[in-house]
Structures are given as C-alpha cells and as structure tokens.
Amino acid sequence: MTDALHIDVPHTDGTLAVIALSGDFDIAAAPTVRGRALELISDGHPDLVADLAGVTFCDSSGLGALVGIWRCAKEADGSLTLAAIPDRLGRLLSVTGMDTFLPTFPSADAALAARQGNSTTA
C-alpha cells in the first residue's frame, strides 16, 4: 500500500515559497509536484524550498522531478533548496550527485532563515 503524496505551501514571501511534501514521491506523484512547483515559479516565487520531512518514499521519478524543478527555477533566476531530507532520500541524492548542486538544510525554518539572510545581504 502506498502513502498518497500531499502537497502544501505553508509559506510564500516575495520570491520565496516553501513547498512541503508528505507521502510517497513516486511516478504517480512526480508530475503533480513538478506542476505545483512550476505554478509557484510562474506566480513570482522562483526561489523554492522543498520541505521533504514528510516524504516516506522517493523513486527515480521523484528525483527527476527535483532536477526539473531546479532547472525551471534557475531559468527564472531562482533556486531550489532542500530541507529536512529523510535519510534514505539523502543517500539517493548523494549517490546521484545531486547533493553537489542542491543546497540542503536540516529544516524548512533553517532554509528560510538562510534564504532570507541571503536576500538581505545581496
């Protein structure tokens, strides 16, 4: 039995938005996540924080969606930051090399603080 993915957007402020995921980030959910992230980018929030604390499973489609979201954010002069990465997903990011170009933080609050700190010093 799979755990259906839920998407929440608990924070938007200027160019920054948090997209919180919970459940299975798999082939069935990846297009929906990517679509919601692209909506946020087109609505003027190209700097995304993906809060992954609630992700219980992630397959290659979920990883592919993260890469696609990162590319779209970059094209919009934005960024993708990952927060609260579960251990198994962290290992996948490391094995695939994605951890070298996606900044990570232990929590969404820490990622927000870092992102907001960068915007005030830039």
C-alpha atoms as a PDB file:
ATOM      1  CA  MET A   1       0.000   0.000   0.000  1.00  0.00           C
ATOM      2  CA  THR A   2       1.384   3.382  -0.959  1.00  0.00           C
ATOM      3  CA  ASP A   3       1.130   6.585   1.007  1.00  0.00           C
ATOM      4  CA  ALA A   4      -0.504   9.184  -1.274  1.00  0.00           C
ATOM      5  CA  LEU A   5       1.550  12.335  -1.642  1.00  0.00           C
ATOM      6  CA  HIS A   6       0.201  15.556  -0.174  1.00  0.00           C
ATOM      7  CA  ILE A   7       1.442  18.992  -1.193  1.00  0.00           C
ATOM      8  CA  ASP A   8       1.170  22.065   0.995  1.00  0.00           C
ATOM      9  CA  VAL A   9       2.512  25.571   0.508  1.00  0.00           C
ATOM     10  CA  PRO A  10       2.836  26.860   4.074  1.00  0.00           C
ATOM     11  CA  HIS A  11       4.898  29.947   3.233  1.00  0.00           C
ATOM     12  CA  THR A  12       5.198  32.492   0.449  1.00  0.00           C
ATOM     13  CA  ASP A  13       7.034  35.794   0.790  1.00  0.00           C
ATOM     14  CA  GLY A  14       8.282  37.798  -2.166  1.00  0.00           C
ATOM     15  CA  THR A  15      10.225  35.493  -4.467  1.00  0.00           C
ATOM     16  CA  LEU A  16      10.405  32.751  -1.834  1.00  0.00           C
ATOM     17  CA  ALA A  17       7.976  29.850  -1.316  1.00  0.00           C
ATOM     18  CA  VAL A  18       8.023  26.636   0.680  1.00  0.00           C
ATOM     19  CA  ILE A  19       6.505  23.538  -0.902  1.00  0.00           C
ATOM     20  CA  ALA A  20       6.029  20.841   1.733  1.00  0.00           C
ATOM     21  CA  LEU A  21       5.664  17.232   0.598  1.00  0.00           C
ATOM     22  CA  SER A  22       4.432  14.263   2.588  1.00  0.00           C
ATOM     23  CA  GLY A  23       3.901  10.681   1.459  1.00  0.00           C
ATOM     24  CA  ASP A  24       5.334   8.769  -1.484  1.00  0.00           C
ATOM     25  CA  PHE A  25       7.154  10.923  -4.060  1.00  0.00           C
ATOM     26  CA  ASP A  26       6.924   8.421  -6.902  1.00  0.00           C
ATOM     27  CA  ILE A  27       5.998   8.107 -10.569  1.00  0.00           C
ATOM     28  CA  ALA A  28       2.345   8.816  -9.783  1.00  0.00           C
ATOM     29  CA  ALA A  29       3.070  11.967  -7.760  1.00  0.00           C
ATOM     30  CA  ALA A  30       6.073  13.469  -9.584  1.00  0.00           C
ATOM     31  CA  PRO A  31       4.096  15.266 -12.339  1.00  0.00           C
ATOM     32  CA  THR A  32       1.797  16.857  -9.750  1.00  0.00           C
ATOM     33  CA  VAL A  33       4.718  18.065  -7.635  1.00  0.00           C
ATOM     34  CA  ARG A  34       6.507  19.445 -10.675  1.00  0.00           C
ATOM     35  CA  GLY A  35       3.308  21.148 -11.860  1.00  0.00           C
ATOM     36  CA  ARG A  36       2.698  22.781  -8.473  1.00  0.00           C
ATOM     37  CA  ALA A  37       6.307  23.976  -8.271  1.00  0.00           C
ATOM     38  CA  LEU A  38       6.092  25.459 -11.778  1.00  0.00           C
ATOM     39  CA  GLU A  39       2.877  27.268 -10.762  1.00  0.00           C
ATOM     40  CA  LEU A  40       4.727  28.809  -7.822  1.00  0.00           C
ATOM     41  CA  ILE A  41       7.593  29.864 -10.086  1.00  0.00           C
ATOM     42  CA  SER A  42       5.228  31.434 -12.635  1.00  0.00           C
ATOM     43  CA  ASP A  43       3.355  33.181  -9.794  1.00  0.00           C
ATOM     44  CA  GLY A  44       6.572  35.043  -8.911  1.00  0.00           C
ATOM     45  CA  HIS A  45       8.154  32.650  -6.399  1.00  0.00           C
ATOM     46  CA  PRO A  46      11.225  31.291  -8.246  1.00  0.00           C
ATOM     47  CA  ASP A  47      13.152  30.668  -5.008  1.00  0.00           C
ATOM     48  CA  LEU A  48      11.729  27.406  -3.698  1.00  0.00           C
ATOM     49  CA  VAL A  49      12.371  25.496  -0.508  1.00  0.00           C
ATOM     50  CA  ALA A  50      11.223  21.881  -0.784  1.00  0.00           C
ATOM     51  CA  ASP A  51      10.398  20.625   2.705  1.00  0.00           C
ATOM     52  CA  LEU A  52      10.840  16.864   2.416  1.00  0.00           C
ATOM     53  CA  ALA A  53      10.372  15.956   6.086  1.00  0.00           C
ATOM     54  CA  GLY A  54       7.208  14.003   5.364  1.00  0.00           C
ATOM     55  CA  VAL A  55       8.448  12.089   2.319  1.00  0.00           C
ATOM     56  CA  THR A  56       8.232   8.374   3.093  1.00  0.00           C
ATOM     57  CA  PHE A  57       9.498   7.085  -0.274  1.00  0.00           C
ATOM     58  CA  CYS A  58      11.147   8.611  -3.334  1.00  0.00           C
ATOM     59  CA  ASP A  59      11.879   6.822  -6.614  1.00  0.00           C
ATOM     60  CA  SER A  60      13.762   7.983  -9.714  1.00  0.00           C
ATOM     61  CA  SER A  61      10.696   9.901 -10.896  1.00  0.00           C
ATOM     62  CA  GLY A  62      10.762  11.973  -7.726  1.00  0.00           C
ATOM     63  CA  LEU A  63      14.473  12.642  -8.193  1.00  0.00           C
ATOM     64  CA  GLY A  64      13.814  13.580 -11.819  1.00  0.00           C
ATOM     65  CA  ALA A  65      11.085  15.977 -10.721  1.00  0.00           C
ATOM     66  CA  LEU A  66      13.510  17.686  -8.324  1.00  0.00           C
ATOM     67  CA  VAL A  67      16.035  18.133 -11.144  1.00  0.00           C
ATOM     68  CA  GLY A  68      13.307  19.526 -13.419  1.00  0.00           C
ATOM     69  CA  ILE A  69      12.134  21.938 -10.725  1.00  0.00           C
ATOM     70  CA  TRP A  70      15.726  23.057 -10.103  1.00  0.00           C
ATOM     71  CA  ARG A  71      16.240  23.726 -13.832  1.00  0.00           C
ATOM     72  CA  CYS A  72      12.999  25.698 -14.132  1.00  0.00           C
ATOM     73  CA  ALA A  73      13.840  27.721 -11.023  1.00  0.00           C
ATOM     74  CA  LYS A  74      17.309  28.500 -12.423  1.00  0.00           C
ATOM     75  CA  GLU A  75      15.784  29.597 -15.757  1.00  0.00           C
ATOM     76  CA  ALA A  76      13.598  32.015 -13.776  1.00  0.00           C
ATOM     77  CA  ASP A  77      16.691  33.349 -11.927  1.00  0.00           C
ATOM     78  CA  GLY A  78      15.628  31.418  -8.847  1.00  0.00           C
ATOM     79  CA  SER A  79      16.811  28.450  -6.850  1.00  0.00           C
ATOM     80  CA  LEU A  80      15.765  25.180  -5.245  1.00  0.00           C
ATOM     81  CA  THR A  81      16.790  24.404  -1.688  1.00  0.00           C
ATOM     82  CA  LEU A  82      16.004  21.101   0.027  1.00  0.00           C
ATOM     83  CA  ALA A  83      15.043  20.869   3.691  1.00  0.00           C
ATOM     84  CA  ALA A  84      14.589  18.045   6.186  1.00  0.00           C
ATOM     85  CA  ILE A  85      15.721  15.309   3.829  1.00  0.00           C
ATOM     86  CA  PRO A  86      14.904  11.800   5.093  1.00  0.00           C
ATOM     87  CA  ASP A  87      17.976   9.534   5.429  1.00  0.00           C
ATOM     88  CA  ARG A  88      17.150   7.226   2.501  1.00  0.00           C
ATOM     89  CA  LEU A  89      16.482  10.166   0.188  1.00  0.00           C
ATOM     90  CA  GLY A  90      19.696  11.818   1.366  1.00  0.00           C
ATOM     91  CA  ARG A  91      21.643   8.724   0.342  1.00  0.00           C
ATOM     92  CA  LEU A  92      19.979   8.789  -3.104  1.00  0.00           C
ATOM     93  CA  LEU A  93      20.902  12.445  -3.526  1.00  0.00           C
ATOM     94  CA  SER A  94      24.493  11.630  -2.597  1.00  0.00           C
ATOM     95  CA  VAL A  95      24.753   8.600  -4.913  1.00  0.00           C
ATOM     96  CA  THR A  96      23.323  10.570  -7.847  1.00  0.00           C
ATOM     97  CA  GLY A  97      25.499  13.616  -7.158  1.00  0.00           C
ATOM     98  CA  MET A  98      22.502  15.876  -6.717  1.00  0.00           C
ATOM     99  CA  ASP A  99      23.749  16.889  -3.285  1.00  0.00           C
ATOM    100  CA  THR A 100      26.562  18.818  -5.000  1.00  0.00           C
ATOM    101  CA  PHE A 101      24.260  21.378  -6.623  1.00  0.00           C
ATOM    102  CA  LEU A 102      21.193  21.430  -4.356  1.00  0.00           C
ATOM    103  CA  PRO A 103      21.730  23.212  -1.041  1.00  0.00           C
ATOM    104  CA  THR A 104      20.302  21.339   1.941  1.00  0.00           C
ATOM    105  CA  PHE A 105      19.214  22.324   5.433  1.00  0.00           C
ATOM    106  CA  PRO A 106      18.052  20.312   8.436  1.00  0.00           C
ATOM    107  CA  SER A 107      14.648  22.021   8.488  1.00  0.00           C
ATOM    108  CA  ALA A 108      12.442  24.319   6.441  1.00  0.00           C
ATOM    109  CA  ASP A 109      12.858  27.011   9.110  1.00  0.00           C
ATOM    110  CA  ALA A 110      16.653  26.818   8.775  1.00  0.00           C
ATOM    111  CA  ALA A 111      16.393  27.011   4.980  1.00  0.00           C
ATOM    112  CA  LEU A 112      14.061  30.013   5.197  1.00  0.00           C
ATOM    113  CA  ALA A 113      16.357  31.782   7.629  1.00  0.00           C
ATOM    114  CA  ALA A 114      19.342  31.202   5.328  1.00  0.00           C
ATOM    115  CA  ARG A 115      17.426  32.285   2.216  1.00  0.00           C
ATOM    116  CA  GLN A 116      16.052  35.407   3.907  1.00  0.00           C
ATOM    117  CA  GLY A 117      19.532  36.192   5.238  1.00  0.00           C
ATOM    118  CA  ASN A 118      20.938  35.938   1.699  1.00  0.00           C
ATOM    119  CA  SER A 119      18.300  38.287   0.299  1.00  0.00           C
ATOM    120  CA  THR A 120      19.074  40.970   2.863  1.00  0.00           C
ATOM    121  CA  THR A 121      22.821  40.821   2.256  1.00  0.00           C
ATOM    122  CA  ALA A 122      22.750  40.593  -1.528  1.00  0.00           C
END
